[in-house]
């Protein structure tokens, strides 16, 4: 009987140690979960701010203003409009350097004259 009592007390002590470890591991996992939830909420807020900023920066009127200021773009004139049948008659002037961007590492600006196609009229 005495051996059985010692064995039971030893089992209870071992069980208490295991329960103690599980309890503190659970607490640390709960703290980690709370940190991750907070981090997730912060990331969602940051994404919302970035989306709002993206929408603000991509407003058509802002882009048009920047294009006029930095690119020197102007509205298309009637002389720039051609039909599909006239495209063969458009002459393209070859550049003096066939690939200036390759020579300067991609920093060269290549000037191109835009050609807009008008819808065929019937």
PDB file of N, CA and C in Angstrom:
ATOM      1  N   UNK A   1       0.821  -1.183   0.000  1.00  0.00           N
ATOM      2  CA  UNK A   1       0.000   0.000   0.000  1.00  0.00           C
ATOM      3  C   UNK A   1       0.875   1.261   0.000  1.00  0.00           C
ATOM      4  N   UNK A   2       1.963   1.219   0.739  1.00  0.00           N
ATOM      5  CA  UNK A   2       2.855   2.359   0.830  1.00  0.00           C
ATOM      6  C   UNK A   2       3.478   2.643  -0.541  1.00  0.00           C
ATOM      7  N   UNK A   3       3.867   1.611  -1.268  1.00  0.00           N
ATOM      8  CA  UNK A   3       4.445   1.787  -2.611  1.00  0.00           C
ATOM      9  C   UNK A   3       3.437   2.441  -3.550  1.00  0.00           C
ATOM     10  N   UNK A   4       2.186   2.031  -3.466  1.00  0.00           N
ATOM     11  CA  UNK A   4       1.146   2.584  -4.314  1.00  0.00           C
ATOM     12  C   UNK A   4       0.916   4.058  -4.000  1.00  0.00           C
ATOM     13  N   UNK A   5       0.980   4.440  -2.734  1.00  0.00           N
ATOM     14  CA  UNK A   5       0.808   5.842  -2.341  1.00  0.00           C
ATOM     15  C   UNK A   5       1.937   6.701  -2.893  1.00  0.00           C
ATOM     16  N   UNK A   6       3.161   6.229  -2.822  1.00  0.00           N
ATOM     17  CA  UNK A   6       4.318   6.969  -3.336  1.00  0.00           C
ATOM     18  C   UNK A   6       4.192   7.107  -4.855  1.00  0.00           C
ATOM     19  N   UNK A   7       3.773   6.038  -5.489  1.00  0.00           N
ATOM     20  CA  UNK A   7       3.599   6.073  -6.937  1.00  0.00           C
ATOM     21  C   UNK A   7       2.517   7.073  -7.341  1.00  0.00           C
ATOM     22  N   UNK A   8       1.420   7.110  -6.628  1.00  0.00           N
ATOM     23  CA  UNK A   8       0.345   8.052  -6.922  1.00  0.00           C
ATOM     24  C   UNK A   8       0.782   9.496  -6.674  1.00  0.00           C
ATOM     25  N   UNK A   9       1.493   9.750  -5.613  1.00  0.00           N
ATOM     26  CA  UNK A   9       1.987  11.101  -5.317  1.00  0.00           C
ATOM     27  C   UNK A   9       2.972  11.526  -6.407  1.00  0.00           C
ATOM     28  N   UNK A  10       3.839  10.641  -6.819  1.00  0.00           N
ATOM     29  CA  UNK A  10       4.774  10.944  -7.904  1.00  0.00           C
ATOM     30  C   UNK A  10       4.031  11.249  -9.198  1.00  0.00           C
ATOM     31  N   UNK A  11       3.000  10.481  -9.485  1.00  0.00           N
ATOM     32  CA  UNK A  11       2.184  10.726 -10.677  1.00  0.00           C
ATOM     33  C   UNK A  11       1.485  12.071 -10.603  1.00  0.00           C
ATOM     34  N   UNK A  12       0.968  12.426  -9.436  1.00  0.00           N
ATOM     35  CA  UNK A  12       0.304  13.721  -9.261  1.00  0.00           C
ATOM     36  C   UNK A  12       1.288  14.881  -9.439  1.00  0.00           C
ATOM     37  N   UNK A  13       2.490  14.741  -8.930  1.00  0.00           N
ATOM     38  CA  UNK A  13       3.508  15.779  -9.081  1.00  0.00           C
ATOM     39  C   UNK A  13       3.881  15.920 -10.557  1.00  0.00           C
ATOM     40  N   UNK A  14       4.054  14.813 -11.247  1.00  0.00           N
ATOM     41  CA  UNK A  14       4.385  14.865 -12.668  1.00  0.00           C
ATOM     42  C   UNK A  14       3.242  15.505 -13.455  1.00  0.00           C
ATOM     43  N   UNK A  15       2.019  15.151 -13.110  1.00  0.00           N
ATOM     44  CA  UNK A  15       0.858  15.738 -13.771  1.00  0.00           C
ATOM     45  C   UNK A  15       0.777  17.243 -13.495  1.00  0.00           C
ATOM     46  N   UNK A  16       1.092  17.667 -12.287  1.00  0.00           N
ATOM     47  CA  UNK A  16       1.077  19.091 -11.936  1.00  0.00           C
ATOM     48  C   UNK A  16       2.127  19.853 -12.735  1.00  0.00           C
ATOM     49  N   UNK A  17       3.292  19.254 -12.925  1.00  0.00           N
ATOM     50  CA  UNK A  17       4.355  19.892 -13.713  1.00  0.00           C
ATOM     51  C   UNK A  17       3.916  20.029 -15.166  1.00  0.00           C
ATOM     52  N   UNK A  18       3.317  18.981 -15.708  1.00  0.00           N
ATOM     53  CA  UNK A  18       2.857  19.031 -17.094  1.00  0.00           C
ATOM     54  C   UNK A  18       1.772  20.094 -17.257  1.00  0.00           C
ATOM     55  N   UNK A  19       0.823  20.135 -16.325  1.00  0.00           N
ATOM     56  CA  UNK A  19      -0.247  21.135 -16.393  1.00  0.00           C
ATOM     57  C   UNK A  19       0.328  22.534 -16.266  1.00  0.00           C
ATOM     58  N   UNK A  20       1.303  22.726 -15.417  1.00  0.00           N
ATOM     59  CA  UNK A  20       1.952  24.028 -15.254  1.00  0.00           C
ATOM     60  C   UNK A  20       2.619  24.466 -16.569  1.00  0.00           C
ATOM     61  N   UNK A  21       3.340  23.568 -17.218  1.00  0.00           N
ATOM     62  CA  UNK A  21       3.998  23.890 -18.485  1.00  0.00           C
ATOM     63  C   UNK A  21       2.981  24.215 -19.573  1.00  0.00           C
ATOM     64  N   UNK A  22       1.917  23.434 -19.650  1.00  0.00           N
ATOM     65  CA  UNK A  22       0.884  23.670 -20.655  1.00  0.00           C
ATOM     66  C   UNK A  22       0.220  25.020 -20.417  1.00  0.00           C
ATOM     67  N   UNK A  23      -0.007  25.351 -19.143  1.00  0.00           N
ATOM     68  CA  UNK A  23      -0.645  26.628 -18.806  1.00  0.00           C
ATOM     69  C   UNK A  23       0.205  27.796 -19.294  1.00  0.00           C
ATOM     70  N   UNK A  24       1.491  27.786 -19.043  1.00  0.00           N
ATOM     71  CA  UNK A  24       2.340  28.900 -19.444  1.00  0.00           C
ATOM     72  C   UNK A  24       2.618  28.915 -20.946  1.00  0.00           C
ATOM     73  N   UNK A  25       2.645  27.736 -21.553  1.00  0.00           N
ATOM     74  CA  UNK A  25       2.767  27.700 -23.014  1.00  0.00           C
ATOM     75  C   UNK A  25       1.510  28.285 -23.662  1.00  0.00           C
ATOM     76  N   UNK A  26       0.356  27.986 -23.094  1.00  0.00           N
ATOM     77  CA  UNK A  26      -0.900  28.542 -23.597  1.00  0.00           C
ATOM     78  C   UNK A  26      -0.907  30.056 -23.450  1.00  0.00           C
ATOM     79  N   UNK A  27      -0.429  30.561 -22.319  1.00  0.00           N
ATOM     80  CA  UNK A  27      -0.366  32.017 -22.121  1.00  0.00           C
ATOM     81  C   UNK A  27       0.557  32.678 -23.149  1.00  0.00           C
ATOM     82  N   UNK A  28       1.701  32.073 -23.413  1.00  0.00           N
ATOM     83  CA  UNK A  28       2.626  32.675 -24.385  1.00  0.00           C
ATOM     84  C   UNK A  28       2.021  32.629 -25.785  1.00  0.00           C
ATOM     85  N   UNK A  29       1.303  31.550 -26.112  1.00  0.00           N
ATOM     86  CA  UNK A  29       0.646  31.465 -27.420  1.00  0.00           C
ATOM     87  C   UNK A  29      -0.479  32.491 -27.537  1.00  0.00           C
ATOM     88  N   UNK A  30      -1.194  32.739 -26.448  1.00  0.00           N
ATOM     89  CA  UNK A  30      -2.240  33.756 -26.461  1.00  0.00           C
ATOM     90  C   UNK A  30      -1.642  35.153 -26.648  1.00  0.00           C
ATOM     91  N   UNK A  31      -0.513  35.402 -26.005  1.00  0.00           N
ATOM     92  CA  UNK A  31       0.159  36.694 -26.197  1.00  0.00           C
ATOM     93  C   UNK A  31       0.640  36.836 -27.640  1.00  0.00           C
ATOM     94  N   UNK A  32       1.185  35.791 -28.197  1.00  0.00           N
ATOM     95  CA  UNK A  32       1.637  35.808 -29.592  1.00  0.00           C
ATOM     96  C   UNK A  32       0.465  36.047 -30.538  1.00  0.00           C
ATOM     97  N   UNK A  33      -0.674  35.409 -30.241  1.00  0.00           N
ATOM     98  CA  UNK A  33      -1.864  35.613 -31.064  1.00  0.00           C
ATOM     99  C   UNK A  33      -2.322  37.072 -30.993  1.00  0.00           C
ATOM    100  N   UNK A  34      -2.313  37.644 -29.804  1.00  0.00           N
ATOM    101  CA  UNK A  34      -2.715  39.045 -29.649  1.00  0.00           C
ATOM    102  C   UNK A  34      -1.772  39.970 -30.415  1.00  0.00           C
ATOM    103  N   UNK A  35      -0.463  39.674 -30.371  1.00  0.00           N
ATOM    104  CA  UNK A  35       0.509  40.472 -31.126  1.00  0.00           C
ATOM    105  C   UNK A  35       0.256  40.357 -32.626  1.00  0.00           C
ATOM    106  N   UNK A  36       0.000  39.151 -33.105  1.00  0.00           N
ATOM    107  CA  UNK A  36      -0.248  38.948 -34.525  1.00  0.00           C
ATOM    108  C   UNK A  36      -1.543  39.621 -34.976  1.00  0.00           C
ATOM    109  N   UNK A  37      -2.569  39.567 -34.132  1.00  0.00           N
ATOM    110  CA  UNK A  37      -3.816  40.259 -34.470  1.00  0.00           C
ATOM    111  C   UNK A  37      -3.597  41.763 -34.562  1.00  0.00           C
ATOM    112  N   UNK A  38      -2.828  42.302 -33.630  1.00  0.00           N
ATOM    113  CA  UNK A  38      -2.519  43.731 -33.651  1.00  0.00           C
ATOM    114  C   UNK A  38      -1.705  44.081 -34.889  1.00  0.00           C
ATOM    115  N   UNK A  39      -0.716  43.273 -35.199  1.00  0.00           N
ATOM    116  CA  UNK A  39       0.103  43.499 -36.390  1.00  0.00           C
ATOM    117  C   UNK A  39      -0.740  43.394 -37.659  1.00  0.00           C
ATOM    118  N   UNK A  40      -1.657  42.439 -37.701  1.00  0.00           N
ATOM    119  CA  UNK A  40      -2.536  42.277 -38.851  1.00  0.00           C
ATOM    120  C   UNK A  40      -3.427  43.505 -39.027  1.00  0.00           C
ATOM    121  N   UNK A  41      -3.954  44.020 -37.943  1.00  0.00           N
ATOM    122  CA  UNK A  41      -4.786  45.218 -38.013  1.00  0.00           C
ATOM    123  C   UNK A  41      -3.973  46.423 -38.479  1.00  0.00           C
ATOM    124  N   UNK A  42      -2.736  46.548 -38.001  1.00  0.00           N
ATOM    125  CA  UNK A  42      -1.871  47.643 -38.442  1.00  0.00           C
ATOM    126  C   UNK A  42      -1.568  47.530 -39.934  1.00  0.00           C
ATOM    127  N   UNK A  43      -1.328  46.308 -40.410  1.00  0.00           N
ATOM    128  CA  UNK A  43      -1.059  46.099 -41.833  1.00  0.00           C
ATOM    129  C   UNK A  43      -2.293  46.426 -42.678  1.00  0.00           C
ATOM    130  N   UNK A  44      -3.460  46.061 -42.193  1.00  0.00           N
ATOM    131  CA  UNK A  44      -4.694  46.397 -42.913  1.00  0.00           C
ATOM    132  C   UNK A  44      -4.885  47.908 -42.989  1.00  0.00           C
ATOM    133  N   UNK A  45      -4.583  48.593 -41.878  1.00  0.00           N
ATOM    134  CA  UNK A  45      -4.679  50.057 -41.887  1.00  0.00           C
ATOM    135  C   UNK A  45      -3.678  50.653 -42.873  1.00  0.00           C
ATOM    136  N   UNK A  46      -2.462  50.108 -42.893  1.00  0.00           N
ATOM    137  CA  UNK A  46      -1.440  50.615 -43.818  1.00  0.00           C
ATOM    138  C   UNK A  46      -1.866  50.378 -45.266  1.00  0.00           C
ATOM    139  N   UNK A  47      -2.468  49.228 -45.544  1.00  0.00           N
ATOM    140  CA  UNK A  47      -2.944  48.947 -46.901  1.00  0.00           C
ATOM    141  C   UNK A  47      -4.048  49.920 -47.287  1.00  0.00           C
ATOM    142  N   UNK A  48      -4.945  50.220 -46.350  1.00  0.00           N
ATOM    143  CA  UNK A  48      -6.017  51.180 -46.636  1.00  0.00           C
ATOM    144  C   UNK A  48      -5.446  52.560 -46.934  1.00  0.00           C
ATOM    145  N   UNK A  49      -4.427  52.959 -46.191  1.00  0.00           N
ATOM    146  CA  UNK A  49      -3.784  54.260 -46.435  1.00  0.00           C
ATOM    147  C   UNK A  49      -3.106  54.255 -47.803  1.00  0.00           C
ATOM    148  N   UNK A  50      -2.417  53.176 -48.137  1.00  0.00           N
ATOM    149  CA  UNK A  50      -1.747  53.091 -49.433  1.00  0.00           C
ATOM    150  C   UNK A  50      -2.752  53.101 -50.586  1.00  0.00           C
ATOM    151  N   UNK A  51      -3.874  52.437 -50.410  1.00  0.00           N
ATOM    152  CA  UNK A  51      -4.899  52.455 -51.463  1.00  0.00           C
ATOM    153  C   UNK A  51      -5.456  53.858 -51.644  1.00  0.00           C
ATOM    154  N   UNK A  52      -5.688  54.557 -50.531  1.00  0.00           N
ATOM    155  CA  UNK A  52      -6.190  55.927 -50.626  1.00  0.00           C
ATOM    156  C   UNK A  52      -5.158  56.826 -51.297  1.00  0.00           C
ATOM    157  N   UNK A  53      -3.901  56.647 -50.944  1.00  0.00           N
ATOM    158  CA  UNK A  53      -2.837  57.448 -51.557  1.00  0.00           C
ATOM    159  C   UNK A  53      -2.720  57.140 -53.040  1.00  0.00           C
ATOM    160  N   UNK A  54      -2.834  55.870 -53.403  1.00  0.00           N
ATOM    161  CA  UNK A  54      -2.771  55.472 -54.813  1.00  0.00           C
ATOM    162  C   UNK A  54      -3.907  56.127 -55.592  1.00  0.00           C
ATOM    163  N   UNK A  55      -5.105  56.092 -55.022  1.00  0.00           N
ATOM    164  CA  UNK A  55      -6.249  56.726 -55.683  1.00  0.00           C
ATOM    165  C   UNK A  55      -6.031  58.224 -55.835  1.00  0.00           C
ATOM    166  N   UNK A  56      -5.468  58.838 -54.804  1.00  0.00           N
ATOM    167  CA  UNK A  56      -5.200  60.279 -54.863  1.00  0.00           C
ATOM    168  C   UNK A  56      -4.166  60.603 -55.941  1.00  0.00           C
ATOM    169  N   UNK A  57      -3.114  59.806 -56.017  1.00  0.00           N
ATOM    170  CA  UNK A  57      -2.048  60.078 -56.976  1.00  0.00           C
ATOM    171  C   UNK A  57      -2.451  59.763 -58.408  1.00  0.00           C
ATOM    172  N   UNK A  58      -3.420  58.892 -58.615  1.00  0.00           N
ATOM    173  CA  UNK A  58      -3.816  58.498 -59.965  1.00  0.00           C
ATOM    174  C   UNK A  58      -5.083  59.187 -60.449  1.00  0.00           C
ATOM    175  N   UNK A  59      -5.418  60.314 -59.852  1.00  0.00           N
ATOM    176  CA  UNK A  59      -6.577  61.068 -60.343  1.00  0.00           C
ATOM    177  C   UNK A  59      -6.280  61.563 -61.753  1.00  0.00           C
ATOM    178  N   UNK A  60      -7.227  61.417 -62.672  1.00  0.00           N
ATOM    179  CA  UNK A  60      -6.987  61.819 -64.068  1.00  0.00           C
ATOM    180  C   UNK A  60      -6.595  63.291 -64.214  1.00  0.00           C
ATOM    181  N   UNK A  61      -7.224  64.179 -63.455  1.00  0.00           N
ATOM    182  CA  UNK A  61      -6.881  65.595 -63.604  1.00  0.00           C
ATOM    183  C   UNK A  61      -5.456  65.883 -63.120  1.00  0.00           C
ATOM    184  N   UNK A  62      -5.017  65.175 -62.085  1.00  0.00           N
ATOM    185  CA  UNK A  62      -3.643  65.350 -61.603  1.00  0.00           C
ATOM    186  C   UNK A  62      -2.653  64.817 -62.637  1.00  0.00           C
ATOM    187  N   UNK A  63      -2.937  63.642 -63.186  1.00  0.00           N
ATOM    188  CA  UNK A  63      -2.047  63.069 -64.188  1.00  0.00           C
ATOM    189  C   UNK A  63      -1.991  63.929 -65.442  1.00  0.00           C
ATOM    190  N   UNK A  64      -3.126  64.503 -65.835  1.00  0.00           N
ATOM    191  CA  UNK A  64      -3.128  65.375 -67.012  1.00  0.00           C
ATOM    192  C   UNK A  64      -2.288  66.622 -66.753  1.00  0.00           C
ATOM    193  N   UNK A  65      -2.402  67.193 -65.553  1.00  0.00           N
ATOM    194  CA  UNK A  65      -1.608  68.371 -65.205  1.00  0.00           C
ATOM    195  C   UNK A  65      -0.111  68.045 -65.212  1.00  0.00           C
ATOM    196  N   UNK A  66       0.250  66.914 -64.637  1.00  0.00           N
ATOM    197  CA  UNK A  66       1.658  66.511 -64.612  1.00  0.00           C
ATOM    198  C   UNK A  66       2.175  66.220 -66.019  1.00  0.00           C
ATOM    199  N   UNK A  67       1.347  65.612 -66.852  1.00  0.00           N
ATOM    200  CA  UNK A  67       1.759  65.325 -68.227  1.00  0.00           C
ATOM    201  C   UNK A  67       2.003  66.624 -68.984  1.00  0.00           C
ATOM    202  N   UNK A  68       1.109  67.604 -68.810  1.00  0.00           N
ATOM    203  CA  UNK A  68       1.313  68.899 -69.482  1.00  0.00           C
ATOM    204  C   UNK A  68       2.583  69.568 -68.982  1.00  0.00           C
ATOM    205  N   UNK A  69       2.825  69.489 -67.681  1.00  0.00           N
ATOM    206  CA  UNK A  69       3.970  70.170 -67.081  1.00  0.00           C
ATOM    207  C   UNK A  69       5.297  69.511 -67.458  1.00  0.00           C
ATOM    208  N   UNK A  70       5.365  68.204 -67.368  1.00  0.00           N
ATOM    209  CA  UNK A  70       6.647  67.512 -67.515  1.00  0.00           C
ATOM    210  C   UNK A  70       6.869  66.896 -68.890  1.00  0.00           C
ATOM    211  N   UNK A  71       5.829  66.544 -69.585  1.00  0.00           N
ATOM    212  CA  UNK A  71       5.990  65.871 -70.863  1.00  0.00           C
ATOM    213  C   UNK A  71       5.750  66.783 -72.053  1.00  0.00           C
ATOM    214  N   UNK A  72       5.177  67.928 -71.801  1.00  0.00           N
ATOM    215  CA  UNK A  72       4.913  68.852 -72.886  1.00  0.00           C
ATOM    216  C   UNK A  72       3.870  68.327 -73.856  1.00  0.00           C
ATOM    217  N   UNK A  73       2.965  67.507 -73.376  1.00  0.00           N
ATOM    218  CA  UNK A  73       1.933  66.953 -74.246  1.00  0.00           C
ATOM    219  C   UNK A  73       0.869  68.000 -74.526  1.00  0.00           C
ATOM    220  N   UNK A  74       0.350  67.961 -75.714  1.00  0.00           N
ATOM    221  CA  UNK A  74      -0.712  68.869 -76.117  1.00  0.00           C
ATOM    222  C   UNK A  74      -1.837  68.045 -76.711  1.00  0.00           C
ATOM    223  N   UNK A  75      -3.038  68.611 -76.780  1.00  0.00           N
ATOM    224  CA  UNK A  75      -4.134  67.870 -77.411  1.00  0.00           C
ATOM    225  C   UNK A  75      -3.816  67.577 -78.867  1.00  0.00           C
ATOM    226  N   UNK A  76      -4.331  66.477 -79.364  1.00  0.00           N
ATOM    227  CA  UNK A  76      -4.072  66.060 -80.721  1.00  0.00           C
ATOM    228  C   UNK A  76      -4.770  66.997 -81.706  1.00  0.00           C
ATOM    229  N   UNK A  77      -4.054  67.365 -82.719  1.00  0.00           N
ATOM    230  CA  UNK A  77      -4.620  68.220 -83.742  1.00  0.00           C
ATOM    231  C   UNK A  77      -5.201  67.406 -84.885  1.00  0.00           C
ATOM    232  N   UNK A  78      -5.969  68.060 -85.739  1.00  0.00           N
ATOM    233  CA  UNK A  78      -6.605  67.370 -86.855  1.00  0.00           C
ATOM    234  C   UNK A  78      -5.579  66.844 -87.850  1.00  0.00           C
ATOM    235  N   UNK A  79      -4.443  67.499 -87.973  1.00  0.00           N
ATOM    236  CA  UNK A  79      -3.415  67.044 -88.922  1.00  0.00           C
ATOM    237  C   UNK A  79      -2.689  65.793 -88.440  1.00  0.00           C
ATOM    238  N   UNK A  80      -2.819  65.479 -87.200  1.00  0.00           N
ATOM    239  CA  UNK A  80      -2.176  64.282 -86.670  1.00  0.00           C
ATOM    240  C   UNK A  80      -3.023  63.032 -86.881  1.00  0.00           C
ATOM    241  N   UNK A  81      -4.265  63.184 -87.235  1.00  0.00           N
ATOM    242  CA  UNK A  81      -5.172  62.064 -87.423  1.00  0.00           C
ATOM    243  C   UNK A  81      -4.982  61.470 -88.814  1.00  0.00           C
ATOM    244  N   UNK A  82      -4.880  60.156 -88.875  1.00  0.00           N
ATOM    245  CA  UNK A  82      -4.770  59.465 -90.157  1.00  0.00           C
ATOM    246  C   UNK A  82      -5.711  58.271 -90.135  1.00  0.00           C
ATOM    247  N   UNK A  83      -6.073  57.821 -91.291  1.00  0.00           N
ATOM    248  CA  UNK A  83      -6.888  56.615 -91.396  1.00  0.00           C
ATOM    249  C   UNK A  83      -5.957  55.422 -91.576  1.00  0.00           C
ATOM    250  N   UNK A  84      -6.502  54.242 -91.478  1.00  0.00           N
ATOM    251  CA  UNK A  84      -5.689  53.031 -91.600  1.00  0.00           C
ATOM    252  C   UNK A  84      -5.053  52.937 -92.981  1.00  0.00           C
ATOM    253  N   UNK A  85      -5.745  53.393 -94.003  1.00  0.00           N
ATOM    254  CA  UNK A  85      -5.186  53.304 -95.349  1.00  0.00           C
ATOM    255  C   UNK A  85      -4.024  54.277 -95.546  1.00  0.00           C
ATOM    256  N   UNK A  86      -3.954  55.339 -94.760  1.00  0.00           N
ATOM    257  CA  UNK A  86      -2.873  56.315 -94.877  1.00  0.00           C
ATOM    258  C   UNK A  86      -1.624  55.906 -94.100  1.00  0.00           C
ATOM    259  N   UNK A  87      -1.695  54.887 -93.314  1.00  0.00           N
ATOM    260  CA  UNK A  87      -0.543  54.506 -92.494  1.00  0.00           C
ATOM    261  C   UNK A  87       0.658  54.094 -93.331  1.00  0.00           C
ATOM    262  N   UNK A  88       0.430  53.507 -94.480  1.00  0.00           N
ATOM    263  CA  UNK A  88       1.539  53.116 -95.340  1.00  0.00           C
ATOM    264  C   UNK A  88       2.284  54.327 -95.880  1.00  0.00           C
ATOM    265  N   UNK A  89       1.618  55.469 -95.960  1.00  0.00           N
ATOM    266  CA  UNK A  89       2.241  56.672 -96.498  1.00  0.00           C
ATOM    267  C   UNK A  89       3.022  57.450 -95.447  1.00  0.00           C
ATOM    268  N   UNK A  90       2.908  57.085 -94.182  1.00  0.00           N
ATOM    269  CA  UNK A  90       3.619  57.793 -93.121  1.00  0.00           C
ATOM    270  C   UNK A  90       5.089  57.421 -93.186  1.00  0.00           C
ATOM    271  N   UNK A  91       5.929  58.424 -93.239  1.00  0.00           N
ATOM    272  CA  UNK A  91       7.369  58.183 -93.319  1.00  0.00           C
ATOM    273  C   UNK A  91       7.967  58.300 -91.926  1.00  0.00           C
ATOM    274  N   UNK A  92       8.767  57.334 -91.591  1.00  0.00           N
ATOM    275  CA  UNK A  92       9.445  57.343 -90.309  1.00  0.00           C
ATOM    276  C   UNK A  92      10.898  57.680 -90.558  1.00  0.00           C
ATOM    277  N   UNK A  93      11.372  58.716 -89.878  1.00  0.00           N
ATOM    278  CA  UNK A  93      12.762  59.122 -90.051  1.00  0.00           C
ATOM    279  C   UNK A  93      13.629  58.261 -89.156  1.00  0.00           C
ATOM    280  N   UNK A  94      14.631  57.596 -89.712  1.00  0.00           N
ATOM    281  CA  UNK A  94      15.497  56.765 -88.873  1.00  0.00           C
ATOM    282  C   UNK A  94      16.354  57.649 -87.965  1.00  0.00           C
ATOM    283  N   UNK A  95      16.557  57.175 -86.774  1.00  0.00           N
ATOM    284  CA  UNK A  95      17.411  57.900 -85.826  1.00  0.00           C
ATOM    285  C   UNK A  95      18.861  57.720 -86.227  1.00  0.00           C
ATOM    286  N   UNK A  96      19.707  58.666 -85.835  1.00  0.00           N
ATOM    287  CA  UNK A  96      21.123  58.560 -86.165  1.00  0.00           C
ATOM    288  C   UNK A  96      21.756  57.378 -85.449  1.00  0.00           C
ATOM    289  N   UNK A  97      21.283  57.089 -84.242  1.00  0.00           N
ATOM    290  CA  UNK A  97      21.756  55.935 -83.487  1.00  0.00           C
ATOM    291  C   UNK A  97      20.580  54.974 -83.370  1.00  0.00           C
ATOM    292  N   UNK A  98      20.699  53.748 -83.875  1.00  0.00           N
ATOM    293  CA  UNK A  98      19.550  52.857 -83.878  1.00  0.00           C
ATOM    294  C   UNK A  98      19.005  52.540 -82.487  1.00  0.00           C
ATOM    295  N   UNK A  99      19.832  52.493 -81.469  1.00  0.00           N
ATOM    296  CA  UNK A  99      19.354  52.185 -80.126  1.00  0.00           C
ATOM    297  C   UNK A  99      20.106  53.031 -79.104  1.00  0.00           C
ATOM    298  N   UNK A 100      19.713  54.308 -78.922  1.00  0.00           N
ATOM    299  CA  UNK A 100      20.438  55.154 -77.973  1.00  0.00           C
ATOM    300  C   UNK A 100      20.249  54.700 -76.534  1.00  0.00           C
ATOM    301  N   UNK A 101      19.160  54.027 -76.240  1.00  0.00           N
ATOM    302  CA  UNK A 101      18.941  53.582 -74.867  1.00  0.00           C
ATOM    303  C   UNK A 101      19.945  52.505 -74.474  1.00  0.00           C
ATOM    304  N   UNK A 102      20.315  51.640 -75.418  1.00  0.00           N
ATOM    305  CA  UNK A 102      21.279  50.578 -75.112  1.00  0.00           C
ATOM    306  C   UNK A 102      22.672  51.162 -74.881  1.00  0.00           C
ATOM    307  N   UNK A 103      23.008  52.220 -75.617  1.00  0.00           N
ATOM    308  CA  UNK A 103      24.343  52.815 -75.497  1.00  0.00           C
ATOM    309  C   UNK A 103      24.525  53.508 -74.142  1.00  0.00           C
ATOM    310  N   UNK A 104      23.478  54.118 -73.609  1.00  0.00           N
ATOM    311  CA  UNK A 104      23.599  54.887 -72.373  1.00  0.00           C
ATOM    312  C   UNK A 104      23.033  54.155 -71.170  1.00  0.00           C
ATOM    313  N   UNK A 105      22.755  52.896 -71.306  1.00  0.00           N
ATOM    314  CA  UNK A 105      22.260  52.132 -70.172  1.00  0.00           C
ATOM    315  C   UNK A 105      20.780  52.366 -69.913  1.00  0.00           C
ATOM    316  N   UNK A 106      20.018  52.777 -70.907  1.00  0.00           N
ATOM    317  CA  UNK A 106      18.588  52.950 -70.746  1.00  0.00           C
ATOM    318  C   UNK A 106      18.176  54.331 -70.297  1.00  0.00           C
ATOM    319  N   UNK A 107      19.119  55.263 -70.145  1.00  0.00           N
ATOM    320  CA  UNK A 107      18.784  56.592 -69.668  1.00  0.00           C
ATOM    321  C   UNK A 107      18.440  57.555 -70.792  1.00  0.00           C
ATOM    322  N   UNK A 108      18.710  57.209 -72.022  1.00  0.00           N
ATOM    323  CA  UNK A 108      18.457  58.125 -73.135  1.00  0.00           C
ATOM    324  C   UNK A 108      16.964  58.223 -73.397  1.00  0.00           C
ATOM    325  N   UNK A 109      16.538  59.403 -73.785  1.00  0.00           N
ATOM    326  CA  UNK A 109      15.141  59.601 -74.132  1.00  0.00           C
ATOM    327  C   UNK A 109      15.006  59.544 -75.645  1.00  0.00           C
ATOM    328  N   UNK A 110      14.159  58.668 -76.099  1.00  0.00           N
ATOM    329  CA  UNK A 110      13.937  58.509 -77.530  1.00  0.00           C
ATOM    330  C   UNK A 110      12.720  59.344 -77.886  1.00  0.00           C
ATOM    331  N   UNK A 111      12.857  60.209 -78.876  1.00  0.00           N
ATOM    332  CA  UNK A 111      11.744  61.052 -79.285  1.00  0.00           C
ATOM    333  C   UNK A 111      10.935  60.313 -80.333  1.00  0.00           C
ATOM    334  N   UNK A 112       9.663  60.200 -80.083  1.00  0.00           N
ATOM    335  CA  UNK A 112       8.772  59.544 -81.011  1.00  0.00           C
ATOM    336  C   UNK A 112       7.605  60.475 -81.272  1.00  0.00           C
ATOM    337  N   UNK A 113       7.155  60.478 -82.483  1.00  0.00           N
ATOM    338  CA  UNK A 113       6.017  61.306 -82.842  1.00  0.00           C
ATOM    339  C   UNK A 113       4.778  60.420 -82.826  1.00  0.00           C
ATOM    340  N   UNK A 114       3.814  60.729 -81.968  1.00  0.00           N
ATOM    341  CA  UNK A 114       2.636  59.868 -81.882  1.00  0.00           C
ATOM    342  C   UNK A 114       1.759  59.995 -83.116  1.00  0.00           C
ATOM    343  N   UNK A 115       1.194  58.864 -83.513  1.00  0.00           N
ATOM    344  CA  UNK A 115       0.275  58.830 -84.645  1.00  0.00           C
ATOM    345  C   UNK A 115      -1.023  58.219 -84.131  1.00  0.00           C
ATOM    346  N   UNK A 116      -2.095  58.943 -84.275  1.00  0.00           N
ATOM    347  CA  UNK A 116      -3.390  58.435 -83.822  1.00  0.00           C
ATOM    348  C   UNK A 116      -4.184  57.976 -85.034  1.00  0.00           C
ATOM    349  N   UNK A 117      -4.909  56.919 -84.852  1.00  0.00           N
ATOM    350  CA  UNK A 117      -5.719  56.394 -85.950  1.00  0.00           C
ATOM    351  C   UNK A 117      -7.145  56.862 -85.776  1.00  0.00           C
ATOM    352  N   UNK A 118      -7.725  57.368 -86.812  1.00  0.00           N
ATOM    353  CA  UNK A 118      -9.124  57.759 -86.776  1.00  0.00           C
ATOM    354  C   UNK A 118      -9.958  56.560 -87.192  1.00  0.00           C
ATOM    355  N   UNK A 119     -11.151  56.507 -86.681  1.00  0.00           N
ATOM    356  CA  UNK A 119     -12.058  55.421 -87.034  1.00  0.00           C
ATOM    357  C   UNK A 119     -12.480  55.580 -88.490  1.00  0.00           C
ATOM    358  N   UNK A 120     -12.519  54.492 -89.250  1.00  0.00           N
ATOM    359  CA  UNK A 120     -12.914  54.598 -90.644  1.00  0.00           C
ATOM    360  C   UNK A 120     -14.365  55.062 -90.757  1.00  0.00           C
ATOM    361  N   UNK A 121     -14.600  55.953 -91.701  1.00  0.00           N
ATOM    362  CA  UNK A 121     -15.962  56.463 -91.912  1.00  0.00           C
ATOM    363  C   UNK A 121     -16.547  55.797 -93.139  1.00  0.00           C
ATOM    364  N   UNK A 122     -17.753  55.407 -93.055  1.00  0.00           N
ATOM    365  CA  UNK A 122     -18.434  54.740 -94.175  1.00  0.00           C
ATOM    366  C   UNK A 122     -19.788  55.322 -94.385  1.00  0.00           C
TER     367      UNK A 122
END
